[in-house]
């Protein structure tokens, strides 16, 4: 009787197991589905889109600080002495900005310079722009996000030149 149970147990157990081929086929199907989902989601573009939103928010914050500075300084914007002397420390010192804001790593945020910081390109102390290149796919046609002091608005633009007067 004991041997009968032992044989029945192993016969049932061997019938319930998966073969190596079945496991490989299931893993292949899972891999194909994962690849299709990753291509559909495009996580790199999602990260770039999130960073683009941060850049837009940062430029809006700097723009508000520049406008407040201008109101408090007789419609004059801060004028950096050198291209490396960017404006945010001046805004922090004046109390218009709480802290210096830096763009995400790898973002090109000044039309005239090659440094990776938000800069205010000033023209004669009375007008200027803050500009940064965006990376997500929805901004491929107009990859630059620019705030112009002449219009007081931020928008995506194709060119990196100065704002229209």
C-alpha atoms as a PDB file:
ATOM      1  CA  UNK A   1       0.000   0.000   0.000  1.00  0.00           C
ATOM      2  CA  UNK A   2       2.819   2.367   0.896  1.00  0.00           C
ATOM      3  CA  UNK A   3       4.565   1.844  -2.418  1.00  0.00           C
ATOM      4  CA  UNK A   4       1.334   2.522  -4.269  1.00  0.00           C
ATOM      5  CA  UNK A   5       1.017   5.976  -2.687  1.00  0.00           C
ATOM      6  CA  UNK A   6       4.663   6.718  -3.389  1.00  0.00           C
ATOM      7  CA  UNK A   7       4.286   5.857  -7.105  1.00  0.00           C
ATOM      8  CA  UNK A   8       1.026   7.780  -7.423  1.00  0.00           C
ATOM      9  CA  UNK A   9       2.583  10.877  -5.808  1.00  0.00           C
ATOM     10  CA  UNK A  10       5.523  10.940  -8.225  1.00  0.00           C
ATOM     11  CA  UNK A  11       3.331  10.235 -11.241  1.00  0.00           C
ATOM     12  CA  UNK A  12       1.049  13.167 -10.372  1.00  0.00           C
ATOM     13  CA  UNK A  13       3.962  15.427  -9.610  1.00  0.00           C
ATOM     14  CA  UNK A  14       5.755  14.706 -12.887  1.00  0.00           C
ATOM     15  CA  UNK A  15       2.584  15.408 -14.851  1.00  0.00           C
ATOM     16  CA  UNK A  16       2.094  18.808 -13.158  1.00  0.00           C
ATOM     17  CA  UNK A  17       5.565  20.191 -13.956  1.00  0.00           C
ATOM     18  CA  UNK A  18       6.424  22.609 -16.783  1.00  0.00           C
ATOM     19  CA  UNK A  19       8.892  21.617 -19.443  1.00  0.00           C
ATOM     20  CA  UNK A  20      11.893  23.757 -20.275  1.00  0.00           C
ATOM     21  CA  UNK A  21      10.416  24.633 -23.680  1.00  0.00           C
ATOM     22  CA  UNK A  22       7.202  25.922 -22.074  1.00  0.00           C
ATOM     23  CA  UNK A  23       9.148  28.122 -19.672  1.00  0.00           C
ATOM     24  CA  UNK A  24      11.290  29.535 -22.501  1.00  0.00           C
ATOM     25  CA  UNK A  25       8.191  30.322 -24.587  1.00  0.00           C
ATOM     26  CA  UNK A  26       6.513  32.120 -21.659  1.00  0.00           C
ATOM     27  CA  UNK A  27       9.674  34.150 -20.975  1.00  0.00           C
ATOM     28  CA  UNK A  28       9.934  35.072 -24.662  1.00  0.00           C
ATOM     29  CA  UNK A  29       6.324  36.275 -24.707  1.00  0.00           C
ATOM     30  CA  UNK A  30       6.907  38.348 -21.560  1.00  0.00           C
ATOM     31  CA  UNK A  31      10.066  39.854 -23.093  1.00  0.00           C
ATOM     32  CA  UNK A  32       8.217  40.823 -26.296  1.00  0.00           C
ATOM     33  CA  UNK A  33       5.368  42.393 -24.313  1.00  0.00           C
ATOM     34  CA  UNK A  34       7.829  44.315 -22.130  1.00  0.00           C
ATOM     35  CA  UNK A  35       9.659  45.618 -25.209  1.00  0.00           C
ATOM     36  CA  UNK A  36       6.393  46.743 -26.822  1.00  0.00           C
ATOM     37  CA  UNK A  37       5.308  48.521 -23.625  1.00  0.00           C
ATOM     38  CA  UNK A  38       8.691  50.255 -23.236  1.00  0.00           C
ATOM     39  CA  UNK A  39       8.599  51.483 -26.821  1.00  0.00           C
ATOM     40  CA  UNK A  40       5.047  52.722 -26.327  1.00  0.00           C
ATOM     41  CA  UNK A  41       5.793  54.506 -23.061  1.00  0.00           C
ATOM     42  CA  UNK A  42       9.213  55.897 -24.071  1.00  0.00           C
ATOM     43  CA  UNK A  43      10.544  56.514 -20.546  1.00  0.00           C
ATOM     44  CA  UNK A  44      13.402  58.731 -21.735  1.00  0.00           C
ATOM     45  CA  UNK A  45      10.948  61.137 -23.347  1.00  0.00           C
ATOM     46  CA  UNK A  46       8.859  61.089 -20.153  1.00  0.00           C
ATOM     47  CA  UNK A  47      11.946  62.082 -18.142  1.00  0.00           C
ATOM     48  CA  UNK A  48      12.770  64.804 -20.693  1.00  0.00           C
ATOM     49  CA  UNK A  49       9.176  66.024 -20.539  1.00  0.00           C
ATOM     50  CA  UNK A  50       9.357  66.248 -16.739  1.00  0.00           C
ATOM     51  CA  UNK A  51      12.655  68.139 -16.971  1.00  0.00           C
ATOM     52  CA  UNK A  52      11.122  70.456 -19.601  1.00  0.00           C
ATOM     53  CA  UNK A  53       8.300  71.240 -17.167  1.00  0.00           C
ATOM     54  CA  UNK A  54      10.901  72.065 -14.500  1.00  0.00           C
ATOM     55  CA  UNK A  55      12.736  74.338 -16.945  1.00  0.00           C
ATOM     56  CA  UNK A  56       9.510  76.162 -17.839  1.00  0.00           C
ATOM     57  CA  UNK A  57       8.629  76.569 -14.170  1.00  0.00           C
ATOM     58  CA  UNK A  58      12.147  77.786 -13.346  1.00  0.00           C
ATOM     59  CA  UNK A  59      12.094  80.353 -16.155  1.00  0.00           C
ATOM     60  CA  UNK A  60       8.704  81.611 -14.972  1.00  0.00           C
ATOM     61  CA  UNK A  61      10.063  81.980 -11.416  1.00  0.00           C
ATOM     62  CA  UNK A  62      13.132  83.866 -12.656  1.00  0.00           C
ATOM     63  CA  UNK A  63      10.913  86.033 -14.871  1.00  0.00           C
ATOM     64  CA  UNK A  64       8.695  86.980 -11.912  1.00  0.00           C
ATOM     65  CA  UNK A  65      11.794  87.829  -9.875  1.00  0.00           C
ATOM     66  CA  UNK A  66      13.160  89.951 -12.743  1.00  0.00           C
ATOM     67  CA  UNK A  67       9.855  91.799 -13.063  1.00  0.00           C
ATOM     68  CA  UNK A  68       9.790  92.464  -9.309  1.00  0.00           C
ATOM     69  CA  UNK A  69      13.403  93.664  -9.466  1.00  0.00           C
ATOM     70  CA  UNK A  70      12.510  95.965 -12.352  1.00  0.00           C
ATOM     71  CA  UNK A  71       9.576  97.479 -10.461  1.00  0.00           C
ATOM     72  CA  UNK A  72      11.777  98.130  -7.424  1.00  0.00           C
ATOM     73  CA  UNK A  73      14.646  99.582  -9.510  1.00  0.00           C
ATOM     74  CA  UNK A  74      12.957 102.174 -11.741  1.00  0.00           C
ATOM     75  CA  UNK A  75      12.158  99.819 -14.655  1.00  0.00           C
ATOM     76  CA  UNK A  76      15.759  98.689 -14.908  1.00  0.00           C
ATOM     77  CA  UNK A  77      16.903  95.066 -14.988  1.00  0.00           C
ATOM     78  CA  UNK A  78      20.134  93.839 -13.435  1.00  0.00           C
ATOM     79  CA  UNK A  79      23.021  94.106 -15.857  1.00  0.00           C
ATOM     80  CA  UNK A  80      25.758  91.490 -15.450  1.00  0.00           C
ATOM     81  CA  UNK A  81      29.289  92.821 -15.771  1.00  0.00           C
ATOM     82  CA  UNK A  82      30.528  89.756 -17.643  1.00  0.00           C
ATOM     83  CA  UNK A  83      28.773  86.868 -19.410  1.00  0.00           C
ATOM     84  CA  UNK A  84      29.805  84.579 -16.542  1.00  0.00           C
ATOM     85  CA  UNK A  85      28.279  86.963 -13.974  1.00  0.00           C
ATOM     86  CA  UNK A  86      24.730  85.773 -14.333  1.00  0.00           C
ATOM     87  CA  UNK A  87      21.833  87.612 -12.757  1.00  0.00           C
ATOM     88  CA  UNK A  88      20.356  85.175 -10.235  1.00  0.00           C
ATOM     89  CA  UNK A  89      22.799  86.004  -7.394  1.00  0.00           C
ATOM     90  CA  UNK A  90      21.728  89.634  -7.800  1.00  0.00           C
ATOM     91  CA  UNK A  91      18.066  88.586  -7.550  1.00  0.00           C
ATOM     92  CA  UNK A  92      18.794  86.489  -4.451  1.00  0.00           C
ATOM     93  CA  UNK A  93      20.721  89.353  -2.843  1.00  0.00           C
ATOM     94  CA  UNK A  94      17.853  91.758  -3.528  1.00  0.00           C
ATOM     95  CA  UNK A  95      15.336  89.316  -2.049  1.00  0.00           C
ATOM     96  CA  UNK A  96      13.366  88.837  -5.261  1.00  0.00           C
ATOM     97  CA  UNK A  97      14.437  85.182  -5.571  1.00  0.00           C
ATOM     98  CA  UNK A  98      14.768  82.788  -2.627  1.00  0.00           C
ATOM     99  CA  UNK A  99      17.687  80.766  -4.011  1.00  0.00           C
ATOM    100  CA  UNK A 100      19.698  80.340  -7.189  1.00  0.00           C
ATOM    101  CA  UNK A 101      17.874  78.002  -9.590  1.00  0.00           C
ATOM    102  CA  UNK A 102      19.855  75.680 -11.843  1.00  0.00           C
ATOM    103  CA  UNK A 103      18.469  73.736 -14.808  1.00  0.00           C
ATOM    104  CA  UNK A 104      18.506  69.931 -14.942  1.00  0.00           C
ATOM    105  CA  UNK A 105      21.821  68.371 -15.934  1.00  0.00           C
ATOM    106  CA  UNK A 106      22.517  68.487 -19.651  1.00  0.00           C
ATOM    107  CA  UNK A 107      20.210  71.401 -20.483  1.00  0.00           C
ATOM    108  CA  UNK A 108      21.564  74.239 -22.623  1.00  0.00           C
ATOM    109  CA  UNK A 109      20.092  77.367 -21.083  1.00  0.00           C
ATOM    110  CA  UNK A 110      21.649  80.404 -22.687  1.00  0.00           C
ATOM    111  CA  UNK A 111      21.598  81.452 -26.297  1.00  0.00           C
ATOM    112  CA  UNK A 112      24.878  83.357 -26.272  1.00  0.00           C
ATOM    113  CA  UNK A 113      27.010  81.392 -23.835  1.00  0.00           C
ATOM    114  CA  UNK A 114      27.961  77.736 -23.467  1.00  0.00           C
ATOM    115  CA  UNK A 115      27.478  77.521 -19.712  1.00  0.00           C
ATOM    116  CA  UNK A 116      24.673  75.434 -18.251  1.00  0.00           C
ATOM    117  CA  UNK A 117      22.843  78.069 -16.166  1.00  0.00           C
ATOM    118  CA  UNK A 118      19.784  80.202 -16.557  1.00  0.00           C
ATOM    119  CA  UNK A 119      21.036  83.544 -17.773  1.00  0.00           C
ATOM    120  CA  UNK A 120      19.373  86.854 -18.399  1.00  0.00           C
ATOM    121  CA  UNK A 121      20.599  88.362 -21.661  1.00  0.00           C
ATOM    122  CA  UNK A 122      20.291  92.070 -21.022  1.00  0.00           C
ATOM    123  CA  UNK A 123      20.020  94.778 -23.661  1.00  0.00           C
ATOM    124  CA  UNK A 124      20.817  98.263 -22.352  1.00  0.00           C
ATOM    125  CA  UNK A 125      19.415  97.409 -18.919  1.00  0.00           C
ATOM    126  CA  UNK A 126      15.805  97.848 -20.035  1.00  0.00           C
ATOM    127  CA  UNK A 127      14.909  94.603 -21.797  1.00  0.00           C
ATOM    128  CA  UNK A 128      16.131  91.059 -22.137  1.00  0.00           C
ATOM    129  CA  UNK A 129      15.368  87.363 -22.149  1.00  0.00           C
ATOM    130  CA  UNK A 130      15.842  84.111 -20.300  1.00  0.00           C
ATOM    131  CA  UNK A 131      16.114  81.163 -22.680  1.00  0.00           C
ATOM    132  CA  UNK A 132      16.625  77.393 -22.458  1.00  0.00           C
ATOM    133  CA  UNK A 133      16.520  74.556 -24.986  1.00  0.00           C
ATOM    134  CA  UNK A 134      13.898  71.873 -24.283  1.00  0.00           C
ATOM    135  CA  UNK A 135      14.439  68.167 -24.970  1.00  0.00           C
ATOM    136  CA  UNK A 136      11.098  66.307 -25.117  1.00  0.00           C
ATOM    137  CA  UNK A 137       9.636  65.212 -28.434  1.00  0.00           C
ATOM    138  CA  UNK A 138       6.699  67.614 -28.270  1.00  0.00           C
ATOM    139  CA  UNK A 139       9.135  70.534 -28.581  1.00  0.00           C
ATOM    140  CA  UNK A 140      11.153  69.294 -31.566  1.00  0.00           C
ATOM    141  CA  UNK A 141       9.641  71.901 -33.927  1.00  0.00           C
ATOM    142  CA  UNK A 142      10.137  74.787 -31.467  1.00  0.00           C
ATOM    143  CA  UNK A 143      12.827  73.623 -29.045  1.00  0.00           C
ATOM    144  CA  UNK A 144      13.569  76.875 -27.184  1.00  0.00           C
ATOM    145  CA  UNK A 145      11.586  78.122 -24.187  1.00  0.00           C
ATOM    146  CA  UNK A 146      12.074  81.854 -23.892  1.00  0.00           C
ATOM    147  CA  UNK A 147      10.804  84.582 -21.602  1.00  0.00           C
ATOM    148  CA  UNK A 148      10.944  88.075 -23.062  1.00  0.00           C
ATOM    149  CA  UNK A 149      10.832  91.198 -20.939  1.00  0.00           C
ATOM    150  CA  UNK A 150       9.303  93.204 -23.804  1.00  0.00           C
ATOM    151  CA  UNK A 151       6.172  91.039 -23.857  1.00  0.00           C
ATOM    152  CA  UNK A 152       6.354  89.714 -20.296  1.00  0.00           C
ATOM    153  CA  UNK A 153       5.471  86.243 -21.590  1.00  0.00           C
ATOM    154  CA  UNK A 154       7.218  82.906 -21.855  1.00  0.00           C
ATOM    155  CA  UNK A 155       6.663  80.702 -24.894  1.00  0.00           C
ATOM    156  CA  UNK A 156       8.341  78.137 -27.128  1.00  0.00           C
ATOM    157  CA  UNK A 157      10.227  79.590 -30.066  1.00  0.00           C
ATOM    158  CA  UNK A 158      12.359  78.257 -32.888  1.00  0.00           C
ATOM    159  CA  UNK A 159      15.031  80.944 -32.787  1.00  0.00           C
ATOM    160  CA  UNK A 160      17.410  81.879 -30.025  1.00  0.00           C
ATOM    161  CA  UNK A 161      17.905  85.516 -30.969  1.00  0.00           C
ATOM    162  CA  UNK A 162      16.762  88.485 -28.964  1.00  0.00           C
ATOM    163  CA  UNK A 163      13.083  89.099 -28.342  1.00  0.00           C
ATOM    164  CA  UNK A 164      11.121  91.246 -30.764  1.00  0.00           C
ATOM    165  CA  UNK A 165      10.842  94.877 -29.735  1.00  0.00           C
END
